[in-house]
Amino acid sequence: MSGNGFNEETALQAAEALAGVLARRTHRRKVMGQEVLVPGQLGDALRLPQLINRLRSRQQRQRDRAVEEFETLWETLSHLTRNQVCRELDWYDPRELSWEDKRSNRRPPPES
């Protein structure tokens, strides 16, 4: 899925799923000699909570800017991370389905 495939609703869904995917990642650290699993903070570093709040904003201009920012962020994510988000949202590429699969396309149309 590339840049123009997002609207306000799909960008909000993907941003929330991305926040969940990044929150589930953990890192090992040594604290006072003990190895401890620490939750990942990449979502905060990418300022996803602020982006999600702006996608929920009442002002159209704020939401439009947030969609543009999310599209830019989406392009920088790794293929693995994008796939995890799409799997969590149950989005799929209809070109990867067999001919007999009767699922409807719930993924935003990719840019051609």
C-alpha atoms as a PDB file:
ATOM      1  CA  MET A   1       0.000   0.000   0.000  1.00  0.00           C
ATOM      2  CA  SER A   2       1.471   3.311  -0.936  1.00  0.00           C
ATOM      3  CA  GLY A   3       0.906   6.958  -0.154  1.00  0.00           C
ATOM      4  CA  ASN A   4      -2.451   7.841  -1.683  1.00  0.00           C
ATOM      5  CA  GLY A   5      -4.113   4.662  -0.418  1.00  0.00           C
ATOM      6  CA  PHE A   6      -4.989   6.206   2.965  1.00  0.00           C
ATOM      7  CA  ASN A   7      -7.949   8.302   3.949  1.00  0.00           C
ATOM      8  CA  GLU A   8      -8.739   9.558   7.460  1.00  0.00           C
ATOM      9  CA  GLU A   9     -10.427   6.344   8.567  1.00  0.00           C
ATOM     10  CA  THR A  10      -7.842   3.908   7.197  1.00  0.00           C
ATOM     11  CA  ALA A  11      -4.939   6.044   8.423  1.00  0.00           C
ATOM     12  CA  LEU A  12      -6.418   6.056  11.930  1.00  0.00           C
ATOM     13  CA  GLN A  13      -6.932   2.276  11.872  1.00  0.00           C
ATOM     14  CA  ALA A  14      -3.394   1.685  10.623  1.00  0.00           C
ATOM     15  CA  ALA A  15      -1.862   4.145  13.116  1.00  0.00           C
ATOM     16  CA  GLU A  16      -3.623   2.467  16.041  1.00  0.00           C
ATOM     17  CA  ALA A  17      -2.547  -0.979  14.822  1.00  0.00           C
ATOM     18  CA  LEU A  18       1.013   0.261  14.316  1.00  0.00           C
ATOM     19  CA  ALA A  19       1.071   1.591  17.872  1.00  0.00           C
ATOM     20  CA  GLY A  20      -0.007  -1.843  19.088  1.00  0.00           C
ATOM     21  CA  VAL A  21       2.592  -3.655  16.979  1.00  0.00           C
ATOM     22  CA  LEU A  22       5.377  -1.392  18.229  1.00  0.00           C
ATOM     23  CA  ALA A  23       4.197  -1.618  21.858  1.00  0.00           C
ATOM     24  CA  ARG A  24       4.417  -5.429  21.778  1.00  0.00           C
ATOM     25  CA  ARG A  25       8.102  -5.324  20.886  1.00  0.00           C
ATOM     26  CA  THR A  26      10.416  -5.757  23.858  1.00  0.00           C
ATOM     27  CA  HIS A  27      14.117  -5.260  24.468  1.00  0.00           C
ATOM     28  CA  ARG A  28      16.461  -6.875  26.960  1.00  0.00           C
ATOM     29  CA  ARG A  29      18.349  -4.618  29.334  1.00  0.00           C
ATOM     30  CA  LYS A  30      20.525  -5.176  32.333  1.00  0.00           C
ATOM     31  CA  VAL A  31      19.282  -3.379  35.410  1.00  0.00           C
ATOM     32  CA  MET A  32      21.411  -3.806  38.523  1.00  0.00           C
ATOM     33  CA  GLY A  33      22.865  -7.026  37.125  1.00  0.00           C
ATOM     34  CA  GLN A  34      19.484  -8.536  36.284  1.00  0.00           C
ATOM     35  CA  GLU A  35      18.311  -9.004  32.729  1.00  0.00           C
ATOM     36  CA  VAL A  36      14.918  -7.344  32.294  1.00  0.00           C
ATOM     37  CA  LEU A  37      12.492  -7.172  29.363  1.00  0.00           C
ATOM     38  CA  VAL A  38      11.578  -3.572  28.637  1.00  0.00           C
ATOM     39  CA  PRO A  39       8.676  -2.572  26.353  1.00  0.00           C
ATOM     40  CA  GLY A  40       9.679  -0.843  23.138  1.00  0.00           C
ATOM     41  CA  GLN A  41       9.343   2.904  22.909  1.00  0.00           C
ATOM     42  CA  LEU A  42       9.525   3.347  19.152  1.00  0.00           C
ATOM     43  CA  GLY A  43       5.855   4.352  18.991  1.00  0.00           C
ATOM     44  CA  ASP A  44       6.547   7.239  21.362  1.00  0.00           C
ATOM     45  CA  ALA A  45       9.698   8.165  19.454  1.00  0.00           C
ATOM     46  CA  LEU A  46       7.669   8.314  16.240  1.00  0.00           C
ATOM     47  CA  ARG A  47       5.090  10.434  18.113  1.00  0.00           C
ATOM     48  CA  LEU A  48       2.278   8.038  17.259  1.00  0.00           C
ATOM     49  CA  PRO A  49       0.051   9.080  20.199  1.00  0.00           C
ATOM     50  CA  GLN A  50       0.076  12.699  18.975  1.00  0.00           C
ATOM     51  CA  LEU A  51      -0.528  11.581  15.392  1.00  0.00           C
ATOM     52  CA  ILE A  52      -3.491   9.434  16.460  1.00  0.00           C
ATOM     53  CA  ASN A  53      -4.948  12.357  18.426  1.00  0.00           C
ATOM     54  CA  ARG A  54      -4.664  14.597  15.371  1.00  0.00           C
ATOM     55  CA  LEU A  55      -6.324  11.939  13.196  1.00  0.00           C
ATOM     56  CA  ARG A  56      -9.248  12.078  15.664  1.00  0.00           C
ATOM     57  CA  SER A  57      -9.298  15.884  15.709  1.00  0.00           C
ATOM     58  CA  ARG A  58     -12.466  17.826  15.015  1.00  0.00           C
ATOM     59  CA  GLN A  59     -10.638  20.156  12.645  1.00  0.00           C
ATOM     60  CA  GLN A  60     -10.477  18.909   9.060  1.00  0.00           C
ATOM     61  CA  ARG A  61      -7.176  20.683   8.417  1.00  0.00           C
ATOM     62  CA  GLN A  62      -5.553  18.861  11.364  1.00  0.00           C
ATOM     63  CA  ARG A  63      -6.835  15.501  10.130  1.00  0.00           C
ATOM     64  CA  ASP A  64      -5.628  16.159   6.571  1.00  0.00           C
ATOM     65  CA  ARG A  65      -2.137  17.037   7.791  1.00  0.00           C
ATOM     66  CA  ALA A  66      -2.088  13.977  10.040  1.00  0.00           C
ATOM     67  CA  VAL A  67      -3.021  11.720   7.094  1.00  0.00           C
ATOM     68  CA  GLU A  68      -0.142  13.203   5.065  1.00  0.00           C
ATOM     69  CA  GLU A  69       2.243  12.671   7.979  1.00  0.00           C
ATOM     70  CA  PHE A  70       1.091   9.088   8.420  1.00  0.00           C
ATOM     71  CA  GLU A  71       1.563   8.388   4.704  1.00  0.00           C
ATOM     72  CA  THR A  72       5.125   9.666   4.996  1.00  0.00           C
ATOM     73  CA  LEU A  73       5.713   7.552   8.105  1.00  0.00           C
ATOM     74  CA  TRP A  74       4.204   4.472   6.426  1.00  0.00           C
ATOM     75  CA  GLU A  75       6.684   4.699   3.562  1.00  0.00           C
ATOM     76  CA  THR A  76       9.611   4.640   6.016  1.00  0.00           C
ATOM     77  CA  LEU A  77       8.453   1.502   7.849  1.00  0.00           C
ATOM     78  CA  SER A  78      10.054  -1.833   7.108  1.00  0.00           C
ATOM     79  CA  HIS A  79       8.218  -4.359   4.966  1.00  0.00           C
ATOM     80  CA  LEU A  80       7.916  -6.677   7.989  1.00  0.00           C
ATOM     81  CA  THR A  81       6.326  -3.981  10.160  1.00  0.00           C
ATOM     82  CA  ARG A  82       3.863  -3.014   7.421  1.00  0.00           C
ATOM     83  CA  ASN A  83       2.904  -6.679   7.002  1.00  0.00           C
ATOM     84  CA  GLN A  84       2.333  -7.046  10.754  1.00  0.00           C
ATOM     85  CA  VAL A  85       0.023  -4.023  10.732  1.00  0.00           C
ATOM     86  CA  CYS A  86      -1.883  -5.306   7.703  1.00  0.00           C
ATOM     87  CA  ARG A  87      -2.278  -8.755   9.274  1.00  0.00           C
ATOM     88  CA  GLU A  88      -3.554  -7.224  12.501  1.00  0.00           C
ATOM     89  CA  LEU A  89      -6.174  -5.231  10.561  1.00  0.00           C
ATOM     90  CA  ASP A  90      -7.015  -8.233   8.363  1.00  0.00           C
ATOM     91  CA  TRP A  91      -6.049  -6.266   5.253  1.00  0.00           C
ATOM     92  CA  TYR A  92      -4.710  -8.278   2.356  1.00  0.00           C
ATOM     93  CA  ASP A  93      -3.578  -7.877  -1.211  1.00  0.00           C
ATOM     94  CA  PRO A  94      -6.289  -9.263  -3.504  1.00  0.00           C
ATOM     95  CA  ARG A  95      -3.609 -10.161  -6.076  1.00  0.00           C
ATOM     96  CA  GLU A  96      -2.216 -12.722  -3.609  1.00  0.00           C
ATOM     97  CA  LEU A  97      -5.537 -14.566  -3.233  1.00  0.00           C
ATOM     98  CA  SER A  98      -6.491 -17.629  -5.205  1.00  0.00           C
ATOM     99  CA  TRP A  99      -9.158 -17.224  -7.862  1.00  0.00           C
ATOM    100  CA  GLU A 100     -11.768 -19.083  -5.771  1.00  0.00           C
ATOM    101  CA  ASP A 101     -11.320 -16.967  -2.623  1.00  0.00           C
ATOM    102  CA  LYS A 102     -14.591 -15.093  -2.019  1.00  0.00           C
ATOM    103  CA  ARG A 103     -13.301 -12.530   0.516  1.00  0.00           C
ATOM    104  CA  SER A 104     -14.038  -8.930  -0.268  1.00  0.00           C
ATOM    105  CA  ASN A 105     -11.194  -6.466  -0.454  1.00  0.00           C
ATOM    106  CA  ARG A 106     -11.010  -4.597   2.834  1.00  0.00           C
ATOM    107  CA  ARG A 107      -7.642  -3.091   2.075  1.00  0.00           C
ATOM    108  CA  PRO A 108      -7.511   0.391   0.604  1.00  0.00           C
ATOM    109  CA  PRO A 109      -6.808   0.222  -3.121  1.00  0.00           C
ATOM    110  CA  PRO A 110      -3.074   0.422  -3.861  1.00  0.00           C
ATOM    111  CA  GLU A 111      -1.762   3.266  -5.944  1.00  0.00           C
ATOM    112  CA  SER A 112      -1.064   2.111  -9.507  1.00  0.00           C
END
